[in-house]
Structures are given as structure tokens and as C-alpha cells.
Amino acid sequence: MPDLRCTVQTCTHNQNYYCNLDSIVVGGNSAKKAAETSCDSFEARKGGSAYADAYSNMEGKEASAKSSVDCKATECMYNKACQCHAGKISVEGGNACHCGETECATFKCGCA
């Protein structure tokens, strides 16, 4: 499992720059660059400020640096059998309102 960092503070799963999900899905089936990928597990934080108490809706689930990454970006050099095998990945999208505004910044096209 890769070391997963996340800068998407508007996501309900983000806890102190880590994801509190055991597994995420990175979309981008035909992606050739990072901007064409997305975190399909993104869910917008409900109510109030996205930055106000990032722990208030975590229901006691502890975030971890390690998460399984189901990767649909088949052209990525780190994708093996739809699983991410990068040592570290970064999901970015700061103030995203929907998954299309997020991306896997670690994506590197393995295509010729």
C-alpha cells in the first residue's frame, strides 16, 4: 500500500492530510496526465467551513498514511492490475467541490 497524502481539505475523508478510508479509487481510465485523473472516493465535507474542525465528522475513524489504491488510470506507470504500486502518492485539489476537481499528482504516463 502506498503512503497516501491528501491536500483536499474539503473532503470529508481528509484528516490532517491523510485519508480515513482503508481504500480509495483513483479515476482516469484514459488519462495521459495527472490533470485527467481524479479521486473518485472524494465526498464533500457537509456544513460549515471546510477547514473548521477537520475531525468533527470522522466518527472516531483514525486516518492512516497507508491506504489501498484501486487505480483506474491504466496508463500510469505505477498501475499494476488496477492497483497503485507507487511508494508514495499525493491526491491534490485543495478546495475541490467534486471529484473532478481532484487529481492524483503522482500519476506518470507509462505510455510510449
PDB file of N, CA and C in Angstrom:
ATOM      1  N   MET A   1       0.840  -1.184   0.000  1.00  0.00           N
ATOM      2  CA  MET A   1       0.000   0.000   0.000  1.00  0.00           C
ATOM      3  C   MET A   1       0.883   1.245   0.000  1.00  0.00           C
ATOM      4  N   PRO A   2       0.552   2.199  -0.858  1.00  0.00           N
ATOM      5  CA  PRO A   2       1.353   3.424  -0.908  1.00  0.00           C
ATOM      6  C   PRO A   2       1.114   4.331   0.302  1.00  0.00           C
ATOM      7  N   ASP A   3       2.069   5.178   0.571  1.00  0.00           N
ATOM      8  CA  ASP A   3       1.926   6.248   1.557  1.00  0.00           C
ATOM      9  C   ASP A   3       1.070   7.303   0.869  1.00  0.00           C
ATOM     10  N   LEU A   4      -0.146   7.505   1.342  1.00  0.00           N
ATOM     11  CA  LEU A   4      -1.117   8.383   0.697  1.00  0.00           C
ATOM     12  C   LEU A   4      -1.247   9.705   1.434  1.00  0.00           C
ATOM     13  N   ARG A   5      -0.894  10.779   0.766  1.00  0.00           N
ATOM     14  CA  ARG A   5      -1.075  12.135   1.313  1.00  0.00           C
ATOM     15  C   ARG A   5      -2.189  12.802   0.528  1.00  0.00           C
ATOM     16  N   CYS A   6      -2.976  13.637   1.188  1.00  0.00           N
ATOM     17  CA  CYS A   6      -4.110  14.286   0.539  1.00  0.00           C
ATOM     18  C   CYS A   6      -4.202  15.741   0.964  1.00  0.00           C
ATOM     19  N   THR A   7      -4.241  16.640  -0.024  1.00  0.00           N
ATOM     20  CA  THR A   7      -4.365  18.075   0.268  1.00  0.00           C
ATOM     21  C   THR A   7      -5.794  18.570   0.092  1.00  0.00           C
ATOM     22  N   VAL A   8      -6.735  17.668  -0.181  1.00  0.00           N
ATOM     23  CA  VAL A   8      -8.122  18.056  -0.450  1.00  0.00           C
ATOM     24  C   VAL A   8      -8.850  18.252   0.882  1.00  0.00           C
ATOM     25  N   GLN A   9      -8.717  19.438   1.450  1.00  0.00           N
ATOM     26  CA  GLN A   9      -9.279  19.731   2.764  1.00  0.00           C
ATOM     27  C   GLN A   9     -10.796  19.800   2.773  1.00  0.00           C
ATOM     28  N   THR A  10     -11.422  19.890   1.602  1.00  0.00           N
ATOM     29  CA  THR A  10     -12.877  19.930   1.526  1.00  0.00           C
ATOM     30  C   THR A  10     -13.496  18.535   1.513  1.00  0.00           C
ATOM     31  N   CYS A  11     -12.671  17.497   1.546  1.00  0.00           N
ATOM     32  CA  CYS A  11     -13.176  16.117   1.533  1.00  0.00           C
ATOM     33  C   CYS A  11     -13.454  15.647   2.959  1.00  0.00           C
ATOM     34  N   THR A  12     -14.578  15.013   3.136  1.00  0.00           N
ATOM     35  CA  THR A  12     -14.964  14.521   4.456  1.00  0.00           C
ATOM     36  C   THR A  12     -14.028  13.437   4.980  1.00  0.00           C
ATOM     37  N   HIS A  13     -13.293  12.791   4.080  1.00  0.00           N
ATOM     38  CA  HIS A  13     -12.381  11.725   4.496  1.00  0.00           C
ATOM     39  C   HIS A  13     -10.993  12.230   4.879  1.00  0.00           C
ATOM     40  N   ASN A  14     -10.712  13.504   4.633  1.00  0.00           N
ATOM     41  CA  ASN A  14      -9.395  14.061   4.930  1.00  0.00           C
ATOM     42  C   ASN A  14      -9.277  14.361   6.415  1.00  0.00           C
ATOM     43  N   GLN A  15      -8.267  13.793   7.020  1.00  0.00           N
ATOM     44  CA  GLN A  15      -7.990  14.025   8.446  1.00  0.00           C
ATOM     45  C   GLN A  15      -6.512  14.344   8.570  1.00  0.00           C
ATOM     46  N   ASN A  16      -6.203  15.623   8.751  1.00  0.00           N
ATOM     47  CA  ASN A  16      -4.828  16.059   8.940  1.00  0.00           C
ATOM     48  C   ASN A  16      -3.919  15.610   7.780  1.00  0.00           C
ATOM     49  N   TYR A  17      -4.415  15.779   6.555  1.00  0.00           N
ATOM     50  CA  TYR A  17      -3.701  15.455   5.309  1.00  0.00           C
ATOM     51  C   TYR A  17      -3.534  13.971   5.044  1.00  0.00           C
ATOM     52  N   TYR A  18      -4.287  13.129   5.743  1.00  0.00           N
ATOM     53  CA  TYR A  18      -4.358  11.705   5.465  1.00  0.00           C
ATOM     54  C   TYR A  18      -5.817  11.362   5.202  1.00  0.00           C
ATOM     55  N   CYS A  19      -6.034  10.225   4.554  1.00  0.00           N
ATOM     56  CA  CYS A  19      -7.387   9.763   4.258  1.00  0.00           C
ATOM     57  C   CYS A  19      -7.810   8.756   5.320  1.00  0.00           C
ATOM     58  N   ASN A  20      -9.055   8.853   5.784  1.00  0.00           N
ATOM     59  CA  ASN A  20      -9.504   7.905   6.799  1.00  0.00           C
ATOM     60  C   ASN A  20     -10.201   6.690   6.184  1.00  0.00           C
ATOM     61  N   LEU A  21     -10.103   6.544   4.848  1.00  0.00           N
ATOM     62  CA  LEU A  21     -10.621   5.350   4.180  1.00  0.00           C
ATOM     63  C   LEU A  21      -9.512   4.308   4.079  1.00  0.00           C
ATOM     64  N   ASP A  22      -9.860   3.051   4.171  1.00  0.00           N
ATOM     65  CA  ASP A  22      -8.881   1.977   4.018  1.00  0.00           C
ATOM     66  C   ASP A  22      -8.492   1.780   2.557  1.00  0.00           C
ATOM     67  N   SER A  23      -9.393   2.223   1.661  1.00  0.00           N
ATOM     68  CA  SER A  23      -9.169   2.044   0.235  1.00  0.00           C
ATOM     69  C   SER A  23      -9.801   3.205  -0.516  1.00  0.00           C
ATOM     70  N   ILE A  24      -9.107   3.733  -1.522  1.00  0.00           N
ATOM     71  CA  ILE A  24      -9.668   4.782  -2.368  1.00  0.00           C
ATOM     72  C   ILE A  24      -9.645   4.317  -3.822  1.00  0.00           C
ATOM     73  N   VAL A  25     -10.411   5.026  -4.651  1.00  0.00           N
ATOM     74  CA  VAL A  25     -10.442   4.761  -6.085  1.00  0.00           C
ATOM     75  C   VAL A  25      -9.940   6.001  -6.810  1.00  0.00           C
ATOM     76  N   VAL A  26      -8.908   5.810  -7.634  1.00  0.00           N
ATOM     77  CA  VAL A  26      -8.408   6.888  -8.492  1.00  0.00           C
ATOM     78  C   VAL A  26      -8.969   6.623  -9.885  1.00  0.00           C
ATOM     79  N   GLY A  27      -9.684   7.608 -10.413  1.00  0.00           N
ATOM     80  CA  GLY A  27     -10.268   7.502 -11.749  1.00  0.00           C
ATOM     81  C   GLY A  27      -9.358   8.109 -12.793  1.00  0.00           C
ATOM     82  N   GLY A  28      -9.676   7.841 -14.042  1.00  0.00           N
ATOM     83  CA  GLY A  28      -8.905   8.397 -15.143  1.00  0.00           C
ATOM     84  C   GLY A  28      -8.551   7.331 -16.154  1.00  0.00           C
ATOM     85  N   ASN A  29      -9.530   6.558 -16.541  1.00  0.00           N
ATOM     86  CA  ASN A  29      -9.325   5.407 -17.403  1.00  0.00           C
ATOM     87  C   ASN A  29      -8.475   5.697 -18.632  1.00  0.00           C
ATOM     88  N   SER A  30      -8.655   6.856 -19.248  1.00  0.00           N
ATOM     89  CA  SER A  30      -7.880   7.189 -20.450  1.00  0.00           C
ATOM     90  C   SER A  30      -6.878   8.316 -20.187  1.00  0.00           C
ATOM     91  N   ALA A  31      -6.535   8.546 -18.931  1.00  0.00           N
ATOM     92  CA  ALA A  31      -5.637   9.644 -18.549  1.00  0.00           C
ATOM     93  C   ALA A  31      -4.247   9.486 -19.147  1.00  0.00           C
ATOM     94  N   LYS A  32      -3.714  10.600 -19.619  1.00  0.00           N
ATOM     95  CA  LYS A  32      -2.345  10.663 -20.123  1.00  0.00           C
ATOM     96  C   LYS A  32      -1.514  11.647 -19.301  1.00  0.00           C
ATOM     97  N   LYS A  33      -2.202  12.389 -18.390  1.00  0.00           N
ATOM     98  CA  LYS A  33      -1.527  13.325 -17.485  1.00  0.00           C
ATOM     99  C   LYS A  33      -2.321  13.418 -16.185  1.00  0.00           C
ATOM    100  N   ALA A  34      -1.673  13.891 -15.143  1.00  0.00           N
ATOM    101  CA  ALA A  34      -2.268  13.936 -13.801  1.00  0.00           C
ATOM    102  C   ALA A  34      -3.609  14.663 -13.781  1.00  0.00           C
ATOM    103  N   ALA A  35      -3.726  15.753 -14.513  1.00  0.00           N
ATOM    104  CA  ALA A  35      -4.959  16.546 -14.513  1.00  0.00           C
ATOM    105  C   ALA A  35      -6.163  15.770 -15.045  1.00  0.00           C
ATOM    106  N   GLU A  36      -5.921  14.652 -15.708  1.00  0.00           N
ATOM    107  CA  GLU A  36      -7.007  13.836 -16.250  1.00  0.00           C
ATOM    108  C   GLU A  36      -7.405  12.706 -15.300  1.00  0.00           C
ATOM    109  N   THR A  37      -6.821  12.685 -14.094  1.00  0.00           N
ATOM    110  CA  THR A  37      -7.179  11.704 -13.068  1.00  0.00           C
ATOM    111  C   THR A  37      -8.053  12.384 -12.023  1.00  0.00           C
ATOM    112  N   SER A  38      -8.623  11.607 -11.127  1.00  0.00           N
ATOM    113  CA  SER A  38      -9.431  12.169 -10.046  1.00  0.00           C
ATOM    114  C   SER A  38      -9.489  11.169  -8.897  1.00  0.00           C
ATOM    115  N   CYS A  39      -9.788  11.670  -7.723  1.00  0.00           N
ATOM    116  CA  CYS A  39     -10.053  10.793  -6.590  1.00  0.00           C
ATOM    117  C   CYS A  39     -11.557  10.552  -6.589  1.00  0.00           C
ATOM    118  N   ASP A  40     -11.958   9.394  -7.075  1.00  0.00           N
ATOM    119  CA  ASP A  40     -13.385   9.084  -7.173  1.00  0.00           C
ATOM    120  C   ASP A  40     -14.006   8.784  -5.815  1.00  0.00           C
ATOM    121  N   SER A  41     -13.194   8.702  -4.775  1.00  0.00           N
ATOM    122  CA  SER A  41     -13.693   8.481  -3.413  1.00  0.00           C
ATOM    123  C   SER A  41     -14.003   9.795  -2.704  1.00  0.00           C
ATOM    124  N   PHE A  42     -13.744  10.922  -3.359  1.00  0.00           N
ATOM    125  CA  PHE A  42     -13.999  12.242  -2.784  1.00  0.00           C
ATOM    126  C   PHE A  42     -15.466  12.396  -2.396  1.00  0.00           C
ATOM    127  N   GLU A  43     -15.694  12.915  -1.193  1.00  0.00           N
ATOM    128  CA  GLU A  43     -17.025  13.307  -0.735  1.00  0.00           C
ATOM    129  C   GLU A  43     -16.889  14.659  -0.068  1.00  0.00           C
ATOM    130  N   ALA A  44     -17.669  15.621  -0.528  1.00  0.00           N
ATOM    131  CA  ALA A  44     -17.587  16.979   0.019  1.00  0.00           C
ATOM    132  C   ALA A  44     -17.983  16.984   1.493  1.00  0.00           C
ATOM    133  N   ARG A  45     -17.210  17.728   2.267  1.00  0.00           N
ATOM    134  CA  ARG A  45     -17.495  17.914   3.686  1.00  0.00           C
ATOM    135  C   ARG A  45     -18.822  18.653   3.810  1.00  0.00           C
ATOM    136  N   LYS A  46     -19.691  18.198   4.675  1.00  0.00           N
ATOM    137  CA  LYS A  46     -21.021  18.798   4.825  1.00  0.00           C
ATOM    138  C   LYS A  46     -21.028  19.868   5.911  1.00  0.00           C
ATOM    139  N   GLY A  47     -21.725  20.962   5.621  1.00  0.00           N
ATOM    140  CA  GLY A  47     -21.962  22.017   6.601  1.00  0.00           C
ATOM    141  C   GLY A  47     -20.724  22.749   7.065  1.00  0.00           C
ATOM    142  N   GLY A  48     -20.885  24.000   7.366  1.00  0.00           N
ATOM    143  CA  GLY A  48     -19.809  24.822   7.912  1.00  0.00           C
ATOM    144  C   GLY A  48     -18.614  24.956   6.997  1.00  0.00           C
ATOM    145  N   SER A  49     -17.578  25.497   7.538  1.00  0.00           N
ATOM    146  CA  SER A  49     -16.335  25.708   6.807  1.00  0.00           C
ATOM    147  C   SER A  49     -15.623  24.376   6.596  1.00  0.00           C
ATOM    148  N   ALA A  50     -15.047  24.234   5.432  1.00  0.00           N
ATOM    149  CA  ALA A  50     -14.307  23.009   5.123  1.00  0.00           C
ATOM    150  C   ALA A  50     -13.116  22.845   6.050  1.00  0.00           C
ATOM    151  N   TYR A  51     -12.608  23.947   6.559  1.00  0.00           N
ATOM    152  CA  TYR A  51     -11.412  23.901   7.390  1.00  0.00           C
ATOM    153  C   TYR A  51     -11.730  23.888   8.883  1.00  0.00           C
ATOM    154  N   ALA A  52     -12.967  24.176   9.239  1.00  0.00           N
ATOM    155  CA  ALA A  52     -13.333  24.229  10.653  1.00  0.00           C
ATOM    156  C   ALA A  52     -13.403  22.821  11.219  1.00  0.00           C
ATOM    157  N   ASP A  53     -12.605  22.558  12.178  1.00  0.00           N
ATOM    158  CA  ASP A  53     -12.524  21.272  12.865  1.00  0.00           C
ATOM    159  C   ASP A  53     -12.591  20.089  11.909  1.00  0.00           C
ATOM    160  N   ALA A  54     -11.485  19.801  11.297  1.00  0.00           N
ATOM    161  CA  ALA A  54     -11.383  18.716  10.317  1.00  0.00           C
ATOM    162  C   ALA A  54     -11.673  17.350  10.939  1.00  0.00           C
ATOM    163  N   TYR A  55     -11.784  17.275  12.232  1.00  0.00           N
ATOM    164  CA  TYR A  55     -12.009  15.993  12.886  1.00  0.00           C
ATOM    165  C   TYR A  55     -13.451  15.801  13.333  1.00  0.00           C
ATOM    166  N   SER A  56     -14.301  16.788  13.167  1.00  0.00           N
ATOM    167  CA  SER A  56     -15.644  16.753  13.744  1.00  0.00           C
ATOM    168  C   SER A  56     -16.536  15.672  13.166  1.00  0.00           C
ATOM    169  N   ASN A  57     -16.344  15.276  11.900  1.00  0.00           N
ATOM    170  CA  ASN A  57     -17.247  14.292  11.309  1.00  0.00           C
ATOM    171  C   ASN A  57     -16.521  12.992  10.967  1.00  0.00           C
ATOM    172  N   MET A  58     -15.503  12.651  11.712  1.00  0.00           N
ATOM    173  CA  MET A  58     -14.729  11.455  11.413  1.00  0.00           C
ATOM    174  C   MET A  58     -15.238  10.212  12.132  1.00  0.00           C
ATOM    175  N   GLU A  59     -16.213  10.364  13.014  1.00  0.00           N
ATOM    176  CA  GLU A  59     -16.827   9.243  13.713  1.00  0.00           C
ATOM    177  C   GLU A  59     -15.809   8.300  14.341  1.00  0.00           C
ATOM    178  N   GLY A  60     -14.717   8.822  14.859  1.00  0.00           N
ATOM    179  CA  GLY A  60     -13.748   8.016  15.569  1.00  0.00           C
ATOM    180  C   GLY A  60     -12.806   7.216  14.690  1.00  0.00           C
ATOM    181  N   LYS A  61     -12.959   7.265  13.391  1.00  0.00           N
ATOM    182  CA  LYS A  61     -12.082   6.519  12.467  1.00  0.00           C
ATOM    183  C   LYS A  61     -10.749   7.223  12.380  1.00  0.00           C
ATOM    184  N   GLU A  62      -9.697   6.515  12.660  1.00  0.00           N
ATOM    185  CA  GLU A  62      -8.339   7.062  12.638  1.00  0.00           C
ATOM    186  C   GLU A  62      -7.800   7.042  11.213  1.00  0.00           C
ATOM    187  N   ALA A  63      -7.268   8.162  10.765  1.00  0.00           N
ATOM    188  CA  ALA A  63      -6.661   8.225   9.437  1.00  0.00           C
ATOM    189  C   ALA A  63      -5.279   7.606   9.486  1.00  0.00           C
ATOM    190  N   SER A  64      -4.853   7.077   8.364  1.00  0.00           N
ATOM    191  CA  SER A  64      -3.554   6.423   8.266  1.00  0.00           C
ATOM    192  C   SER A  64      -2.846   6.897   7.020  1.00  0.00           C
ATOM    193  N   ALA A  65      -1.525   6.857   7.052  1.00  0.00           N
ATOM    194  CA  ALA A  65      -0.756   7.212   5.865  1.00  0.00           C
ATOM    195  C   ALA A  65      -0.903   6.136   4.789  1.00  0.00           C
ATOM    196  N   LYS A  66      -1.316   4.952   5.159  1.00  0.00           N
ATOM    197  CA  LYS A  66      -1.402   3.830   4.219  1.00  0.00           C
ATOM    198  C   LYS A  66      -2.849   3.536   3.861  1.00  0.00           C
ATOM    199  N   SER A  67      -3.128   3.492   2.577  1.00  0.00           N
ATOM    200  CA  SER A  67      -4.436   3.112   2.062  1.00  0.00           C
ATOM    201  C   SER A  67      -4.233   2.320   0.792  1.00  0.00           C
ATOM    202  N   SER A  68      -5.110   1.369   0.558  1.00  0.00           N
ATOM    203  CA  SER A  68      -5.093   0.645  -0.701  1.00  0.00           C
ATOM    204  C   SER A  68      -5.634   1.580  -1.776  1.00  0.00           C
ATOM    205  N   VAL A  69      -5.020   1.595  -2.954  1.00  0.00           N
ATOM    206  CA  VAL A  69      -5.437   2.489  -4.025  1.00  0.00           C
ATOM    207  C   VAL A  69      -5.825   1.663  -5.248  1.00  0.00           C
ATOM    208  N   ASP A  70      -7.138   1.618  -5.504  1.00  0.00           N
ATOM    209  CA  ASP A  70      -7.683   0.970  -6.691  1.00  0.00           C
ATOM    210  C   ASP A  70      -7.579   2.008  -7.808  1.00  0.00           C
ATOM    211  N   CYS A  71      -6.709   1.765  -8.770  1.00  0.00           N
ATOM    212  CA  CYS A  71      -6.395   2.773  -9.783  1.00  0.00           C
ATOM    213  C   CYS A  71      -6.963   2.397 -11.140  1.00  0.00           C
ATOM    214  N   LYS A  72      -7.814   3.279 -11.662  1.00  0.00           N
ATOM    215  CA  LYS A  72      -8.414   3.081 -12.982  1.00  0.00           C
ATOM    216  C   LYS A  72      -7.579   3.728 -14.082  1.00  0.00           C
ATOM    217  N   ALA A  73      -6.523   4.465 -13.703  1.00  0.00           N
ATOM    218  CA  ALA A  73      -5.646   5.137 -14.682  1.00  0.00           C
ATOM    219  C   ALA A  73      -4.654   4.105 -15.224  1.00  0.00           C
ATOM    220  N   THR A  74      -5.110   3.306 -16.164  1.00  0.00           N
ATOM    221  CA  THR A  74      -4.335   2.159 -16.642  1.00  0.00           C
ATOM    222  C   THR A  74      -3.046   2.529 -17.355  1.00  0.00           C
ATOM    223  N   GLU A  75      -2.918   3.764 -17.812  1.00  0.00           N
ATOM    224  CA  GLU A  75      -1.691   4.192 -18.485  1.00  0.00           C
ATOM    225  C   GLU A  75      -0.602   4.645 -17.508  1.00  0.00           C
ATOM    226  N   CYS A  76      -0.924   4.710 -16.220  1.00  0.00           N
ATOM    227  CA  CYS A  76       0.061   5.167 -15.227  1.00  0.00           C
ATOM    228  C   CYS A  76       1.138   4.109 -15.035  1.00  0.00           C
ATOM    229  N   MET A  77       2.381   4.546 -14.959  1.00  0.00           N
ATOM    230  CA  MET A  77       3.499   3.620 -14.788  1.00  0.00           C
ATOM    231  C   MET A  77       3.456   2.865 -13.454  1.00  0.00           C
ATOM    232  N   TYR A  78       2.700   3.380 -12.463  1.00  0.00           N
ATOM    233  CA  TYR A  78       2.605   2.738 -11.159  1.00  0.00           C
ATOM    234  C   TYR A  78       1.418   1.771 -11.064  1.00  0.00           C
ATOM    235  N   ASN A  79       0.610   1.694 -12.113  1.00  0.00           N
ATOM    236  CA  ASN A  79      -0.576   0.849 -12.115  1.00  0.00           C
ATOM    237  C   ASN A  79      -0.208  -0.571 -12.536  1.00  0.00           C
ATOM    238  N   LYS A  80      -0.464  -1.514 -11.633  1.00  0.00           N
ATOM    239  CA  LYS A  80      -0.272  -2.935 -11.942  1.00  0.00           C
ATOM    240  C   LYS A  80      -1.542  -3.650 -11.539  1.00  0.00           C
ATOM    241  N   ALA A  81      -2.249  -4.189 -12.530  1.00  0.00           N
ATOM    242  CA  ALA A  81      -3.515  -4.895 -12.289  1.00  0.00           C
ATOM    243  C   ALA A  81      -4.501  -4.023 -11.513  1.00  0.00           C
ATOM    244  N   CYS A  82      -4.589  -2.754 -11.907  1.00  0.00           N
ATOM    245  CA  CYS A  82      -5.511  -1.766 -11.320  1.00  0.00           C
ATOM    246  C   CYS A  82      -5.243  -1.475  -9.840  1.00  0.00           C
ATOM    247  N   GLN A  83      -4.025  -1.692  -9.389  1.00  0.00           N
ATOM    248  CA  GLN A  83      -3.601  -1.320  -8.042  1.00  0.00           C
ATOM    249  C   GLN A  83      -2.391  -0.407  -8.161  1.00  0.00           C
ATOM    250  N   CYS A  84      -2.325   0.619  -7.308  1.00  0.00           N
ATOM    251  CA  CYS A  84      -1.193   1.548  -7.330  1.00  0.00           C
ATOM    252  C   CYS A  84      -0.011   0.917  -6.598  1.00  0.00           C
ATOM    253  N   HIS A  85       1.154   0.953  -7.246  1.00  0.00           N
ATOM    254  CA  HIS A  85       2.369   0.403  -6.648  1.00  0.00           C
ATOM    255  C   HIS A  85       3.449   1.463  -6.452  1.00  0.00           C
ATOM    256  N   ALA A  86       3.039   2.743  -6.434  1.00  0.00           N
ATOM    257  CA  ALA A  86       3.983   3.813  -6.112  1.00  0.00           C
ATOM    258  C   ALA A  86       4.269   3.747  -4.615  1.00  0.00           C
ATOM    259  N   GLY A  87       5.446   4.131  -4.208  1.00  0.00           N
ATOM    260  CA  GLY A  87       5.780   4.152  -2.787  1.00  0.00           C
ATOM    261  C   GLY A  87       4.994   5.216  -2.040  1.00  0.00           C
ATOM    262  N   LYS A  88       4.798   6.357  -2.692  1.00  0.00           N
ATOM    263  CA  LYS A  88       4.055   7.479  -2.109  1.00  0.00           C
ATOM    264  C   LYS A  88       3.187   8.080  -3.197  1.00  0.00           C
ATOM    265  N   ILE A  89       1.961   8.476  -2.831  1.00  0.00           N
ATOM    266  CA  ILE A  89       1.140   9.221  -3.775  1.00  0.00           C
ATOM    267  C   ILE A  89       0.561  10.442  -3.081  1.00  0.00           C
ATOM    268  N   SER A  90       0.216  11.418  -3.899  1.00  0.00           N
ATOM    269  CA  SER A  90      -0.376  12.643  -3.400  1.00  0.00           C
ATOM    270  C   SER A  90      -1.648  12.934  -4.182  1.00  0.00           C
ATOM    271  N   VAL A  91      -2.762  13.030  -3.460  1.00  0.00           N
ATOM    272  CA  VAL A  91      -4.025  13.448  -4.053  1.00  0.00           C
ATOM    273  C   VAL A  91      -4.138  14.940  -3.775  1.00  0.00           C
ATOM    274  N   GLU A  92      -4.377  15.716  -4.812  1.00  0.00           N
ATOM    275  CA  GLU A  92      -4.443  17.170  -4.675  1.00  0.00           C
ATOM    276  C   GLU A  92      -5.761  17.711  -5.179  1.00  0.00           C
ATOM    277  N   GLY A  93      -6.085  18.905  -4.700  1.00  0.00           N
ATOM    278  CA  GLY A  93      -7.311  19.559  -5.118  1.00  0.00           C
ATOM    279  C   GLY A  93      -7.846  20.506  -4.069  1.00  0.00           C
ATOM    280  N   GLY A  94      -6.991  20.989  -3.172  1.00  0.00           N
ATOM    281  CA  GLY A  94      -7.290  21.953  -2.122  1.00  0.00           C
ATOM    282  C   GLY A  94      -8.740  22.222  -1.774  1.00  0.00           C
ATOM    283  N   ASN A  95      -9.434  23.029  -2.578  1.00  0.00           N
ATOM    284  CA  ASN A  95     -10.799  23.458  -2.281  1.00  0.00           C
ATOM    285  C   ASN A  95     -11.820  22.807  -3.203  1.00  0.00           C
ATOM    286  N   ALA A  96     -11.590  21.585  -3.604  1.00  0.00           N
ATOM    287  CA  ALA A  96     -12.473  20.881  -4.541  1.00  0.00           C
ATOM    288  C   ALA A  96     -13.902  20.809  -4.015  1.00  0.00           C
ATOM    289  N   CYS A  97     -14.845  20.901  -4.950  1.00  0.00           N
ATOM    290  CA  CYS A  97     -16.261  20.746  -4.620  1.00  0.00           C
ATOM    291  C   CYS A  97     -16.802  19.414  -5.118  1.00  0.00           C
ATOM    292  N   HIS A  98     -16.101  18.782  -6.068  1.00  0.00           N
ATOM    293  CA  HIS A  98     -16.483  17.471  -6.578  1.00  0.00           C
ATOM    294  C   HIS A  98     -15.224  16.748  -7.042  1.00  0.00           C
ATOM    295  N   CYS A  99     -15.331  15.462  -7.269  1.00  0.00           N
ATOM    296  CA  CYS A  99     -14.151  14.647  -7.552  1.00  0.00           C
ATOM    297  C   CYS A  99     -13.399  15.100  -8.801  1.00  0.00           C
ATOM    298  N   GLY A 100     -14.089  15.689  -9.766  1.00  0.00           N
ATOM    299  CA  GLY A 100     -13.432  16.167 -10.982  1.00  0.00           C
ATOM    300  C   GLY A 100     -12.435  17.283 -10.746  1.00  0.00           C
ATOM    301  N   GLU A 101     -12.467  17.873  -9.570  1.00  0.00           N
ATOM    302  CA  GLU A 101     -11.523  18.943  -9.219  1.00  0.00           C
ATOM    303  C   GLU A 101     -10.347  18.406  -8.407  1.00  0.00           C
ATOM    304  N   THR A 102     -10.233  17.085  -8.306  1.00  0.00           N
ATOM    305  CA  THR A 102      -9.117  16.454  -7.606  1.00  0.00           C
ATOM    306  C   THR A 102      -8.252  15.735  -8.632  1.00  0.00           C
ATOM    307  N   GLU A 103      -7.036  15.372  -8.231  1.00  0.00           N
ATOM    308  CA  GLU A 103      -6.164  14.600  -9.133  1.00  0.00           C
ATOM    309  C   GLU A 103      -5.126  13.836  -8.342  1.00  0.00           C
ATOM    310  N   CYS A 104      -4.629  12.779  -8.956  1.00  0.00           N
ATOM    311  CA  CYS A 104      -3.502  12.048  -8.402  1.00  0.00           C
ATOM    312  C   CYS A 104      -2.260  12.724  -8.977  1.00  0.00           C
ATOM    313  N   ALA A 105      -1.603  13.516  -8.154  1.00  0.00           N
ATOM    314  CA  ALA A 105      -0.427  14.287  -8.605  1.00  0.00           C
ATOM    315  C   ALA A 105       0.778  13.396  -8.882  1.00  0.00           C
ATOM    316  N   THR A 106       0.737  12.153  -8.451  1.00  0.00           N
ATOM    317  CA  THR A 106       1.843  11.224  -8.641  1.00  0.00           C
ATOM    318  C   THR A 106       1.785  10.542 -10.008  1.00  0.00           C
ATOM    319  N   PHE A 107       0.649  10.639 -10.687  1.00  0.00           N
ATOM    320  CA  PHE A 107       0.461   9.990 -11.980  1.00  0.00           C
ATOM    321  C   PHE A 107       1.613  10.313 -12.936  1.00  0.00           C
ATOM    322  N   LYS A 108       2.156   9.265 -13.539  1.00  0.00           N
ATOM    323  CA  LYS A 108       3.163   9.415 -14.592  1.00  0.00           C
ATOM    324  C   LYS A 108       2.781   8.453 -15.704  1.00  0.00           C
ATOM    325  N   CYS A 109       2.605   9.009 -16.882  1.00  0.00           N
ATOM    326  CA  CYS A 109       2.183   8.189 -18.009  1.00  0.00           C
ATOM    327  C   CYS A 109       3.288   7.212 -18.393  1.00  0.00           C
ATOM    328  N   GLY A 110       2.947   5.943 -18.466  1.00  0.00           N
ATOM    329  CA  GLY A 110       3.894   4.914 -18.864  1.00  0.00           C
ATOM    330  C   GLY A 110       3.759   4.586 -20.349  1.00  0.00           C
ATOM    331  N   CYS A 111       2.937   5.386 -21.025  1.00  0.00           N
ATOM    332  CA  CYS A 111       2.714   5.134 -22.453  1.00  0.00           C
ATOM    333  C   CYS A 111       3.886   5.657 -23.279  1.00  0.00           C
ATOM    334  N   ALA A 112       4.026   5.100 -24.455  1.00  0.00           N
ATOM    335  CA  ALA A 112       5.144   5.452 -25.338  1.00  0.00           C
ATOM    336  C   ALA A 112       4.973   6.800 -25.976  1.00  0.00           C
TER     337      ALA A 112
END
